Amino acid sequence: MNMPFTTAIRGNFFDIAACVDHPQQLGQQLRHIPDGLMLLHEGTIVWFGSWQQGESLLPPGFEIAHYPDKLIVPGFIDTHIHYPQTEMIGAYGEQLLTWLKNYTFPTESQFCCEQHSDKMSAFFLQQLLSNGTTTALVFGTVHPQSVEALFRQAAALNMRLIAGKVMMDRHAPEALLESPEQSYRQTRALIERWHGKQRLSYAITPRFAPTSTPALLEQVQRLRQEFPDAYLHTHLSENLDEVAWVKELFPDSRSYLDVYHQYGLTGEKSVFAHCLHLEEQEWDCLCQTRSAIAFCPTSNLFLGSGLFNLQKAWQKQVRLGIGTDVGAGTTFNMLETLGEAYKIAQLQRYQLSACEAFYHATLGGARALSLDDKIGNFDVGKEADFVVLDPAVSPLQKLRHENSRELAEQLFVLMTLGDDRNVYRTYVDGKVVYRAAKCQEAA
């Protein structure tokens, strides 16, 4: 078999083989190879299967990165996060609207400085990678340099990243406001510079309806029409006071989502964060337009915003990914985020299985971003972004892991007790971009 490859990975692999429309279908799509082999060439998976089947493909003496006693999963996909809010994570005591005024806007004002943007971009990307997140949909600030810095550093890693500068022309400090025309002009320039470069994509990013005049939304619509393959990324129905405010600001709209829908902002590659207080017709609109939701468990709990109805998303067939939503979210770590998602589901008498949770954080998140043809599992031809997890890094985890016989239980223990210490290696584009500090040997 004449197949070029440059990297061989051996270990215990787990992924979801195909997208599903109901959680009951996940059992048929689980793919677990306890002793597997994955061959990579120029950042792409060229062969995947059992060690027994693949060993003969390797020439004598070929170096293998072998991870016994570890678990290899697709890279985590964060479908909603604010990189400028990294330095204000854990800001005390407020709900959404007051939290924005007291903490978020002052913090984001610093990103007028290019040096600050560079510094925080580097820190942010390192936090993603050290937590096993290989793809993210990211908010910048209103400043173009905030996005320039982030894209520039992600490009150096050949990382798959989607980001955009905030578009905002009212109800914020003067230093963070722009005219609709300026917002259009700066956003268009960023799209032309970065969208489709390497593995980068641009997200047109109106912050949310309350900070958008109709004139600004018209410019967002104009950009969406001019660049139909760009993303649309914003917030929707996070907080009850916010929902009431939107009804005051847009009295002619049927609902909060209808504000966006009237301007043509729903659809494929439109991602709406939170969606905690949706009306029935809003659920139907999200489904019919093939829009996606980013479920942000730790943020929703931290700001007291509400409980996301995961079961409803399945019933309504709305695409869904998981977002950490740093800095209202309290962790970059997807394992911890999935653990909080489980608790939110429990409060609504819905049992979120570990397999479903990992699906939302990998292939389901890829589907929400219309990237399931490129990332999300170990299919041949997909991009080689993956994480090597150590399932037992503390005495408690070791004890629990030793008593876990089934894969589903091992995954559940990981998402219940796991954190950044469990991330042993992170691969992006087939290359190691993060090693746990205690394990510096070459891979």
Protein backbone atom coordinates (compact mmCIF):
# COMPACT_ATOMS: atom_id res chain seq x y z
CA MET A 1 0.00 0.00 0.00
CA ASN A 2 1.69 3.19 -1.21
CA MET A 3 0.54 5.88 1.22
CA PRO A 4 2.79 8.74 2.33
CA PHE A 5 2.77 9.60 6.02
CA THR A 6 5.08 11.44 8.36
CA THR A 7 3.64 10.76 11.82
CA ALA A 8 2.31 7.66 13.58
CA ILE A 9 0.24 7.83 16.76
CA ARG A 10 -0.55 4.70 18.76
CA GLY A 11 -2.92 4.52 21.71
CA ASN A 12 -6.45 4.23 23.07
CA PHE A 13 -8.76 6.20 20.72
CA PHE A 14 -12.34 7.36 21.22
CA ASP A 15 -14.52 9.43 18.91
CA ILE A 16 -18.02 9.66 17.43
CA ALA A 17 -18.07 8.29 13.89
CA ALA A 18 -21.01 10.33 12.51
CA CYS A 19 -23.36 13.18 13.37
CA VAL A 20 -26.68 12.20 14.92
CA ASP A 21 -30.14 13.74 15.17
CA HIS A 22 -31.12 12.11 18.47
CA PRO A 23 -29.01 11.14 21.51
CA GLN A 24 -30.36 7.59 21.28
CA GLN A 25 -28.41 7.22 18.01
CA LEU A 26 -25.06 7.88 19.67
CA GLY A 27 -24.62 4.28 20.76
CA GLN A 28 -24.43 3.19 17.14
CA GLN A 29 -21.77 5.79 16.32
CA LEU A 30 -19.34 5.35 19.22
CA ARG A 31 -15.91 4.34 17.97
CA HIS A 32 -13.49 3.00 20.56
CA ILE A 33 -10.21 1.37 19.56
CA PRO A 34 -8.30 0.40 22.74
CA ASP A 35 -5.06 -0.19 20.81
CA GLY A 36 -5.25 1.90 17.66
CA LEU A 37 -3.00 3.53 15.11
CA MET A 38 -3.43 6.85 13.34
CA LEU A 39 -1.16 7.92 10.49
CA LEU A 40 -0.78 11.59 9.56
CA HIS A 41 0.63 13.41 6.56
CA GLU A 42 0.94 17.20 6.35
CA GLY A 43 -1.63 17.75 9.08
CA THR A 44 -4.20 15.31 7.68
CA ILE A 45 -5.32 11.87 8.87
CA VAL A 46 -4.43 9.39 6.12
CA TRP A 47 -5.13 6.12 7.94
CA PHE A 48 -6.97 5.12 11.11
CA GLY A 49 -7.67 1.71 12.56
CA SER A 50 -6.43 -0.92 14.96
CA TRP A 51 -2.75 -1.45 15.67
CA GLN A 52 -3.08 -5.03 14.52
CA GLN A 53 -4.36 -3.89 11.12
CA GLY A 54 -1.95 -1.00 10.71
CA GLU A 55 1.35 -2.27 12.09
CA SER A 56 2.36 -3.71 8.72
CA LEU A 57 2.06 -0.23 7.12
CA LEU A 58 5.01 1.05 9.14
CA PRO A 59 8.53 0.68 7.74
CA PRO A 60 11.10 -0.92 10.07
CA GLY A 61 12.32 1.45 12.75
CA PHE A 62 9.68 4.12 12.07
CA GLU A 63 9.29 6.33 15.15
CA ILE A 64 5.89 6.01 16.82
CA ALA A 65 4.37 8.37 19.39
CA HIS A 66 2.89 5.76 21.73
CA TYR A 67 0.53 6.76 24.52
CA PRO A 68 -0.26 3.66 26.59
CA ASP A 69 -2.65 4.24 29.51
CA LYS A 70 -3.90 7.47 27.93
CA LEU A 71 -7.07 8.33 26.01
CA ILE A 72 -6.88 10.09 22.64
CA VAL A 73 -9.94 12.13 21.63
CA PRO A 74 -10.63 14.74 18.92
CA GLY A 75 -9.64 18.28 19.83
CA PHE A 76 -12.25 20.14 21.83
CA ILE A 77 -14.29 22.80 20.02
CA ASP A 78 -15.30 25.92 21.94
CA THR A 79 -18.23 27.55 20.14
CA HIS A 80 -18.35 30.78 22.18
CA ILE A 81 -15.58 32.58 24.06
CA HIS A 82 -14.39 36.18 24.60
CA TYR A 83 -10.62 36.40 24.49
CA PRO A 84 -10.43 40.01 25.81
CA GLN A 85 -12.27 38.92 28.97
CA THR A 86 -9.54 36.46 29.96
CA GLU A 87 -8.05 38.87 32.50
CA MET A 88 -11.40 39.57 34.21
CA ILE A 89 -12.51 35.98 34.69
CA GLY A 90 -14.10 35.52 38.11
CA ALA A 91 -15.42 39.12 38.42
CA TYR A 92 -17.71 39.19 41.47
CA GLY A 93 -21.31 39.77 42.16
CA GLU A 94 -23.30 40.91 39.13
CA GLN A 95 -25.75 39.71 36.54
CA LEU A 96 -25.30 40.30 32.84
CA LEU A 97 -26.08 43.97 32.19
CA THR A 98 -24.39 45.36 35.31
CA TRP A 99 -21.48 42.95 34.81
CA LEU A 100 -20.93 44.36 31.31
CA LYS A 101 -20.93 47.93 32.62
CA ASN A 102 -18.73 47.39 35.68
CA TYR A 103 -16.20 44.87 34.40
CA THR A 104 -16.39 44.01 30.71
CA PHE A 105 -16.38 47.40 29.03
CA PRO A 106 -13.48 48.80 31.12
CA THR A 107 -11.43 45.67 30.42
CA GLU A 108 -12.13 45.73 26.70
CA SER A 109 -11.11 49.39 26.49
CA GLN A 110 -7.48 48.33 26.95
CA PHE A 111 -7.42 46.60 23.57
CA CYS A 112 -6.95 49.89 21.76
CA CYS A 113 -3.30 49.12 22.52
CA GLU A 114 -1.66 46.78 20.01
CA GLN A 115 0.91 45.56 22.52
CA HIS A 116 -1.80 44.64 24.99
CA SER A 117 -3.70 42.79 22.25
CA ASP A 118 -0.55 40.84 21.35
CA LYS A 119 0.15 39.92 24.95
CA MET A 120 -3.39 38.77 25.72
CA SER A 121 -3.72 36.89 22.41
CA ALA A 122 -0.64 34.82 23.23
CA PHE A 123 -1.89 34.09 26.74
CA PHE A 124 -5.37 33.24 25.48
CA LEU A 125 -4.20 30.79 22.81
CA GLN A 126 -1.92 29.08 25.30
CA GLN A 127 -4.87 28.68 27.66
CA LEU A 128 -6.93 27.09 24.89
CA LEU A 129 -4.19 24.64 23.92
CA SER A 130 -3.26 23.71 27.48
CA ASN A 131 -6.90 22.78 28.00
CA GLY A 132 -7.15 20.68 24.84
CA THR A 133 -9.20 23.16 22.81
CA THR A 134 -8.03 23.17 19.20
CA THR A 135 -10.82 25.19 17.56
CA ALA A 136 -12.73 28.17 18.93
CA LEU A 137 -15.27 30.79 17.85
CA VAL A 138 -13.99 33.96 19.47
CA PHE A 139 -15.18 37.49 20.26
CA GLY A 140 -12.59 40.25 19.96
CA THR A 141 -13.27 43.85 20.98
CA VAL A 142 -14.44 46.78 18.88
CA HIS A 143 -10.79 47.49 18.05
CA PRO A 144 -9.51 45.95 14.77
CA GLN A 145 -6.08 45.40 16.33
CA SER A 146 -7.60 42.98 18.84
CA VAL A 147 -8.53 40.64 15.98
CA GLU A 148 -5.36 41.28 13.99
CA ALA A 149 -3.26 40.12 16.95
CA LEU A 150 -5.33 37.01 17.54
CA PHE A 151 -5.38 35.92 13.89
CA ARG A 152 -1.67 36.60 13.47
CA GLN A 153 -0.73 34.33 16.37
CA ALA A 154 -3.25 31.61 15.47
CA ALA A 155 -1.86 31.60 11.92
CA ALA A 156 1.63 30.95 13.29
CA LEU A 157 0.24 27.72 14.81
CA ASN A 158 -1.85 26.92 11.72
CA MET A 159 -4.74 26.65 14.17
CA ARG A 160 -8.36 26.48 13.07
CA LEU A 161 -9.86 29.63 14.57
CA ILE A 162 -12.91 31.78 13.86
CA ALA A 163 -13.00 35.32 15.24
CA GLY A 164 -14.31 38.80 14.66
CA LYS A 165 -14.20 42.33 15.98
CA VAL A 166 -17.20 43.50 17.96
CA MET A 167 -19.65 45.78 16.13
CA MET A 168 -21.33 48.21 18.55
CA ASP A 169 -22.76 51.71 18.21
CA ARG A 170 -24.85 52.40 21.32
CA HIS A 171 -25.33 51.66 25.04
CA ALA A 172 -21.63 51.35 25.80
CA PRO A 173 -18.84 53.75 26.84
CA GLU A 174 -17.98 56.34 24.21
CA ALA A 175 -14.49 54.91 23.71
CA LEU A 176 -16.02 51.59 22.61
CA LEU A 177 -18.58 53.00 20.19
CA GLU A 178 -18.25 53.36 16.42
CA SER A 179 -20.44 54.62 13.62
CA PRO A 180 -22.23 52.02 11.49
CA GLU A 181 -20.15 53.08 8.48
CA GLN A 182 -16.87 52.78 10.41
CA SER A 183 -17.93 49.38 11.72
CA TYR A 184 -18.71 48.19 8.20
CA ARG A 185 -15.46 49.53 6.77
CA GLN A 186 -13.20 48.04 9.46
CA THR A 187 -15.00 44.70 9.47
CA ARG A 188 -14.84 44.43 5.70
CA ALA A 189 -11.10 45.10 5.74
CA LEU A 190 -10.56 42.36 8.34
CA ILE A 191 -12.65 39.87 6.34
CA GLU A 192 -10.67 40.58 3.19
CA ARG A 193 -7.38 40.21 5.06
CA TRP A 194 -8.08 37.08 7.15
CA HIS A 195 -11.14 35.11 6.07
CA GLY A 196 -10.05 31.86 4.45
CA LYS A 197 -6.35 32.43 5.12
CA GLN A 198 -4.79 29.11 6.19
CA ARG A 199 -7.29 27.65 8.67
CA LEU A 200 -8.77 30.98 9.77
CA SER A 201 -12.34 32.19 9.26
CA TYR A 202 -14.05 35.46 10.04
CA ALA A 203 -17.16 35.92 12.16
CA ILE A 204 -19.24 39.08 11.67
CA THR A 205 -19.79 39.98 15.32
CA PRO A 206 -22.50 42.42 16.45
CA ARG A 207 -22.23 42.23 20.24
CA PHE A 208 -25.97 41.86 20.77
CA ALA A 209 -29.17 43.64 19.84
CA PRO A 210 -29.11 46.23 22.68
CA THR A 211 -25.78 47.66 21.49
CA SER A 212 -26.89 47.71 17.86
CA THR A 213 -28.97 50.42 16.22
CA PRO A 214 -31.05 49.50 13.17
CA ALA A 215 -28.46 51.37 11.10
CA LEU A 216 -25.70 49.11 12.42
CA LEU A 217 -27.74 45.97 11.81
CA GLU A 218 -28.22 47.14 8.23
CA GLN A 219 -24.44 47.20 7.84
CA VAL A 220 -24.19 43.73 9.40
CA GLN A 221 -26.77 42.53 6.87
CA ARG A 222 -24.79 44.15 4.07
CA LEU A 223 -21.63 42.31 5.12
CA ARG A 224 -23.51 39.03 5.41
CA GLN A 225 -24.78 39.44 1.86
CA GLU A 226 -21.35 40.37 0.52
CA PHE A 227 -19.56 37.53 2.34
CA PRO A 228 -22.11 34.69 2.58
CA ASP A 229 -19.49 32.15 3.69
CA ALA A 230 -18.44 34.23 6.70
CA TYR A 231 -19.86 33.43 10.12
CA LEU A 232 -22.35 35.46 12.16
CA HIS A 233 -21.68 35.35 15.91
CA THR A 234 -23.73 37.10 18.60
CA HIS A 235 -25.72 36.67 21.81
CA LEU A 236 -29.38 35.74 22.20
CA SER A 237 -31.75 35.58 25.18
CA GLU A 238 -29.15 35.21 27.89
CA ASN A 239 -30.85 37.20 30.64
CA LEU A 240 -34.49 38.06 31.36
CA ASP A 241 -33.74 41.78 31.82
CA GLU A 242 -31.90 41.72 28.50
CA VAL A 243 -34.89 40.10 26.76
CA ALA A 244 -37.23 42.75 28.17
CA TRP A 245 -34.82 45.51 27.08
CA VAL A 246 -34.73 44.17 23.51
CA LYS A 247 -38.55 44.27 23.39
CA GLU A 248 -38.41 47.94 24.39
CA LEU A 249 -35.71 48.78 21.85
CA PHE A 250 -37.30 46.85 18.96
CA PRO A 251 -41.06 47.03 19.55
CA ASP A 252 -41.86 46.03 15.98
CA SER A 253 -40.05 42.70 16.23
CA ARG A 254 -41.98 39.58 17.23
CA SER A 255 -39.18 38.35 19.47
CA TYR A 256 -35.51 38.81 20.32
CA LEU A 257 -34.45 36.39 17.57
CA ASP A 258 -36.74 38.15 15.12
CA VAL A 259 -34.55 41.26 15.45
CA TYR A 260 -31.70 39.31 13.89
CA HIS A 261 -33.93 37.34 11.53
CA GLN A 262 -35.43 40.48 10.00
CA TYR A 263 -31.94 41.55 8.96
CA GLY A 264 -31.12 38.17 7.42
CA LEU A 265 -28.71 37.20 10.19
CA THR A 266 -30.03 33.70 10.89
CA GLY A 267 -28.91 30.71 8.85
CA GLU A 268 -26.05 28.34 8.22
CA LYS A 269 -22.92 29.54 10.04
CA SER A 270 -24.97 31.77 12.37
CA VAL A 271 -24.12 30.95 15.99
CA PHE A 272 -26.18 32.36 18.86
CA ALA A 273 -24.76 32.12 22.36
CA HIS A 274 -26.92 31.14 25.36
CA CYS A 275 -30.56 30.98 24.16
CA LEU A 276 -31.92 30.42 27.67
CA HIS A 277 -35.30 32.12 27.38
CA LEU A 278 -36.50 31.32 23.88
CA GLU A 279 -40.13 31.39 22.78
CA GLU A 280 -41.51 28.47 20.81
CA GLN A 281 -41.41 30.31 17.50
CA GLU A 282 -37.76 31.24 18.13
CA TRP A 283 -36.86 27.56 18.51
CA ASP A 284 -38.69 26.88 15.25
CA CYS A 285 -36.86 29.69 13.46
CA LEU A 286 -33.45 28.42 14.62
CA CYS A 287 -34.31 24.96 13.30
CA GLN A 288 -35.76 26.13 9.99
CA THR A 289 -32.82 28.43 9.24
CA ARG A 290 -30.21 25.83 10.32
CA SER A 291 -28.79 28.28 12.84
CA ALA A 292 -26.76 26.99 15.80
CA ILE A 293 -26.68 27.51 19.55
CA ALA A 294 -23.63 27.73 21.83
CA PHE A 295 -24.55 26.28 25.24
CA CYS A 296 -22.39 27.96 27.92
CA PRO A 297 -22.92 26.14 31.25
CA THR A 298 -20.42 27.79 33.59
CA SER A 299 -21.29 31.29 32.37
CA ASN A 300 -25.03 30.72 32.75
CA LEU A 301 -24.55 29.56 36.32
CA PHE A 302 -21.98 32.23 37.25
CA LEU A 303 -24.16 35.14 36.10
CA GLY A 304 -27.37 33.50 37.33
CA SER A 305 -28.79 33.76 33.83
CA GLY A 306 -30.84 30.55 33.74
CA LEU A 307 -30.78 26.88 32.75
CA PHE A 308 -30.37 25.89 29.11
CA ASN A 309 -32.91 23.34 27.87
CA LEU A 310 -30.71 20.75 26.20
CA GLN A 311 -33.56 18.32 25.69
CA LYS A 312 -35.52 20.98 23.81
CA ALA A 313 -32.60 21.55 21.46
CA TRP A 314 -32.73 17.86 20.51
CA GLN A 315 -36.51 17.93 20.14
CA LYS A 316 -36.36 20.99 17.90
CA GLN A 317 -33.37 19.65 15.93
CA VAL A 318 -31.27 22.76 16.50
CA ARG A 319 -27.54 22.40 16.01
CA LEU A 320 -25.59 22.77 19.22
CA GLY A 321 -22.06 23.25 20.47
CA ILE A 322 -20.50 23.94 23.87
CA GLY A 323 -19.02 27.31 24.80
CA THR A 324 -16.88 28.16 27.80
CA ASP A 325 -17.80 31.85 27.42
CA VAL A 326 -14.74 33.08 29.29
CA GLY A 327 -14.81 35.53 31.10
CA ALA A 328 -18.36 35.08 32.44
CA GLY A 329 -17.52 31.42 32.09
CA THR A 330 -15.19 30.32 34.85
CA THR A 331 -12.87 27.90 33.04
CA PHE A 332 -11.20 27.30 29.69
CA ASN A 333 -11.41 23.57 30.38
CA MET A 334 -13.98 21.60 28.39
CA LEU A 335 -14.03 18.70 30.88
CA GLU A 336 -15.09 21.05 33.67
CA THR A 337 -17.56 22.74 31.35
CA LEU A 338 -19.17 19.39 30.47
CA GLY A 339 -19.41 18.56 34.17
CA GLU A 340 -21.43 21.73 34.73
CA ALA A 341 -23.59 20.94 31.69
CA TYR A 342 -24.44 17.62 33.33
CA LYS A 343 -25.60 19.41 36.50
CA ILE A 344 -27.75 21.87 34.53
CA ALA A 345 -29.40 18.93 32.77
CA GLN A 346 -29.91 17.15 36.11
CA LEU A 347 -31.80 20.15 37.47
CA GLN A 348 -34.23 19.67 34.58
CA ARG A 349 -34.43 15.88 35.01
CA TYR A 350 -32.49 15.19 31.83
CA GLN A 351 -29.58 12.77 32.06
CA LEU A 352 -26.65 13.99 29.97
CA SER A 353 -24.52 10.94 29.22
CA ALA A 354 -20.76 11.26 28.91
CA CYS A 355 -20.94 10.11 25.29
CA GLU A 356 -23.44 12.83 24.46
CA ALA A 357 -21.36 15.42 26.30
CA PHE A 358 -18.19 14.50 24.39
CA TYR A 359 -20.21 14.56 21.15
CA HIS A 360 -21.28 18.16 21.80
CA ALA A 361 -17.67 19.12 22.56
CA THR A 362 -16.26 17.48 19.41
CA LEU A 363 -18.24 16.37 16.35
CA GLY A 364 -21.47 18.09 17.44
CA GLY A 365 -19.58 21.35 17.91
CA ALA A 366 -18.00 20.89 14.49
CA ARG A 367 -21.46 20.43 13.01
CA ALA A 368 -22.69 23.59 14.75
CA LEU A 369 -19.84 25.46 13.04
CA SER A 370 -20.42 23.72 9.68
CA LEU A 371 -16.97 22.16 10.02
CA ASP A 372 -17.92 18.51 10.49
CA ASP A 373 -16.37 17.72 7.10
CA LYS A 374 -13.00 18.96 8.40
CA ILE A 375 -12.75 18.29 12.16
CA GLY A 376 -14.56 16.57 15.02
CA ASN A 377 -13.51 12.92 14.67
CA PHE A 378 -10.77 10.67 13.31
CA ASP A 379 -12.15 10.02 9.83
CA VAL A 380 -9.52 9.70 7.11
CA GLY A 381 -9.13 13.01 5.31
CA LYS A 382 -9.89 15.16 8.33
CA GLU A 383 -7.50 17.60 9.94
CA ALA A 384 -5.28 16.17 12.65
CA ASP A 385 -6.35 18.13 15.73
CA PHE A 386 -6.59 15.93 18.82
CA VAL A 387 -5.92 15.67 22.53
CA VAL A 388 -4.13 13.03 24.57
CA LEU A 389 -5.82 12.81 27.96
CA ASP A 390 -4.34 11.27 31.10
CA PRO A 391 -7.41 9.91 32.92
CA ALA A 392 -5.74 9.57 36.31
CA VAL A 393 -3.59 12.49 37.47
CA SER A 394 -4.64 12.70 41.13
CA PRO A 395 -5.02 10.06 43.84
CA LEU A 396 -8.81 10.41 43.69
CA GLN A 397 -8.89 10.14 39.90
CA LYS A 398 -6.60 7.08 40.04
CA LEU A 399 -8.85 5.39 42.58
CA ARG A 400 -11.96 6.16 40.57
CA HIS A 401 -10.37 5.20 37.25
CA GLU A 402 -9.23 1.82 38.59
CA ASN A 403 -12.82 1.06 39.55
CA SER A 404 -14.25 2.15 36.18
CA ARG A 405 -14.57 -0.80 33.83
CA GLU A 406 -16.68 0.62 31.00
CA LEU A 407 -15.62 3.41 28.65
CA ALA A 408 -18.80 5.41 29.35
CA GLU A 409 -18.00 5.41 33.06
CA GLN A 410 -14.38 6.41 32.44
CA LEU A 411 -15.53 9.34 30.30
CA PHE A 412 -18.06 10.40 32.90
CA VAL A 413 -15.44 10.35 35.65
CA LEU A 414 -13.18 12.46 33.42
CA MET A 415 -15.83 15.13 32.90
CA THR A 416 -16.84 15.06 36.56
CA LEU A 417 -13.40 15.11 38.19
CA GLY A 418 -11.26 16.31 35.28
CA ASP A 419 -9.53 19.63 34.64
CA ASP A 420 -6.48 21.02 32.82
CA ARG A 421 -4.18 18.55 34.62
CA ASN A 422 -5.70 15.76 32.52
CA VAL A 423 -4.46 17.31 29.25
CA TYR A 424 -1.22 15.44 28.51
CA ARG A 425 -0.64 16.54 24.90
CA THR A 426 -2.47 18.77 22.44
CA TYR A 427 -1.92 18.36 18.70
CA VAL A 428 -2.82 21.00 16.13
CA ASP A 429 -2.29 20.38 12.43
CA GLY A 430 -0.59 17.09 13.33
CA LYS A 431 2.02 18.74 15.56
CA VAL A 432 2.42 18.86 19.34
CA VAL A 433 1.60 22.39 20.49
CA TYR A 434 1.23 21.66 24.20
CA ARG A 435 2.94 19.25 26.60
CA ALA A 436 2.01 18.89 30.25
CA ALA A 437 4.80 20.45 32.31
CA LYS A 438 5.54 17.21 34.14
CA CYS A 439 6.08 15.38 30.84
CA GLN A 440 8.68 17.13 28.72
CA GLU A 441 9.90 14.11 26.80
CA ALA A 442 9.55 14.33 23.05
CA ALA A 443 6.43 13.02 21.34
